[in-house]
Amino acid sequence: MAEKHGNKVVFICTHIKYSSDSAGEPWRSRKMLRHYFYPTDVILIRTRSQGVIEYYRNPAPSMSELKKNIETALEIAEFLEKETT
């Protein structure tokens, strides 16, 4: 993806770690990030006019499904940018 799309696609891994010192923290993080299954893949589209839009969310999709949805998200992002210029 990086070779094909450059900096238009960024992968980030977020890990919620359980600690007995703050047992409620993982639950607050899950509620805030809205992911209860691990791993959960999320595709976000960042636009100038509308900010960040969540396009896709799925716990452990196949790589082909993830790739297809990334390609579609890029097309949507390009369309949204054209609409605002």
Protein backbone atom coordinates (compact mmCIF):
# COMPACT_ATOMS: atom_id res chain seq x y z
CA MET A 1 0.00 0.00 0.00
CA ALA A 2 2.77 2.44 0.87
CA GLU A 3 4.54 1.82 -2.44
CA LYS A 4 1.34 2.28 -4.44
CA HIS A 5 -0.22 5.22 -2.57
CA GLY A 6 2.67 6.89 -0.75
CA ASN A 7 1.60 8.92 2.27
CA LYS A 8 -2.11 8.66 1.43
CA VAL A 9 -2.32 5.40 3.39
CA VAL A 10 -0.98 5.18 6.94
CA PHE A 11 -1.14 2.13 9.21
CA ILE A 12 -1.22 2.65 12.96
CA CYS A 13 -1.34 0.02 15.69
CA THR A 14 -2.94 0.92 19.01
CA HIS A 15 -2.56 -1.47 21.91
CA ILE A 16 -4.79 -1.29 24.98
CA LYS A 17 -2.89 -2.83 27.87
CA TYR A 18 -4.52 -4.08 31.04
CA SER A 19 -2.97 -2.96 34.31
CA SER A 20 -4.12 -4.07 37.76
CA ASP A 21 -3.28 -0.54 38.97
CA SER A 22 -5.93 0.95 36.68
CA ALA A 23 -8.37 -1.85 35.90
CA GLY A 24 -10.98 0.55 34.49
CA GLU A 25 -8.65 2.13 31.94
CA PRO A 26 -9.00 -0.58 29.25
CA TRP A 27 -12.79 -0.27 29.44
CA ARG A 28 -12.64 3.51 29.12
CA SER A 29 -10.30 3.14 26.14
CA ARG A 30 -12.58 0.59 24.50
CA LYS A 31 -15.57 2.84 24.98
CA MET A 32 -13.75 5.89 23.64
CA LEU A 33 -12.27 4.09 20.60
CA ARG A 34 -15.38 1.90 20.14
CA HIS A 35 -13.54 -1.39 19.70
CA TYR A 36 -14.28 -4.39 21.82
CA PHE A 37 -12.66 -7.13 19.76
CA TYR A 38 -8.99 -7.54 18.96
CA PRO A 39 -7.70 -6.89 16.45
CA THR A 40 -10.16 -4.40 14.99
CA ASP A 41 -9.27 -2.73 11.71
CA VAL A 42 -10.62 0.77 11.16
CA ILE A 43 -10.37 2.85 7.98
CA LEU A 44 -10.65 6.59 8.45
CA ILE A 45 -10.88 9.19 5.70
CA ARG A 46 -9.39 12.58 6.53
CA THR A 47 -10.90 15.51 4.64
CA ARG A 48 -10.30 19.24 4.77
CA SER A 49 -13.95 20.18 4.85
CA GLN A 50 -15.49 17.44 7.02
CA GLY A 51 -12.61 16.38 9.24
CA VAL A 52 -12.18 12.66 9.88
CA ILE A 53 -14.86 10.24 8.70
CA GLU A 54 -14.97 6.60 9.75
CA TYR A 55 -15.49 4.56 6.60
CA TYR A 56 -14.95 0.96 7.73
CA ARG A 57 -14.66 -1.09 10.93
CA ASN A 58 -14.26 -4.86 11.18
CA PRO A 59 -12.63 -7.23 13.67
CA ALA A 60 -9.95 -9.20 11.82
CA PRO A 61 -11.05 -8.95 8.16
CA SER A 62 -9.27 -10.86 5.42
CA MET A 63 -6.43 -8.99 3.74
CA SER A 64 -8.29 -8.95 0.43
CA GLU A 65 -11.33 -7.34 2.07
CA LEU A 66 -9.15 -4.80 3.84
CA LYS A 67 -7.30 -3.94 0.62
CA LYS A 68 -10.58 -3.54 -1.29
CA ASN A 69 -11.95 -1.19 1.37
CA ILE A 70 -8.74 0.86 1.46
CA GLU A 71 -8.96 1.34 -2.31
CA THR A 72 -12.61 2.39 -2.02
CA ALA A 73 -11.82 4.78 0.84
CA LEU A 74 -9.12 6.41 -1.30
CA GLU A 75 -11.63 6.90 -4.13
CA ILE A 76 -14.15 8.44 -1.71
CA ALA A 77 -11.47 10.74 -0.23
CA GLU A 78 -10.49 11.89 -3.72
CA PHE A 79 -14.15 12.54 -4.61
CA LEU A 80 -14.73 14.51 -1.39
CA GLU A 81 -11.66 16.65 -2.00
CA LYS A 82 -12.84 17.47 -5.54
CA GLU A 83 -16.28 18.42 -4.23
CA THR A 84 -14.84 20.97 -1.80
CA THR A 85 -12.44 22.66 -4.23
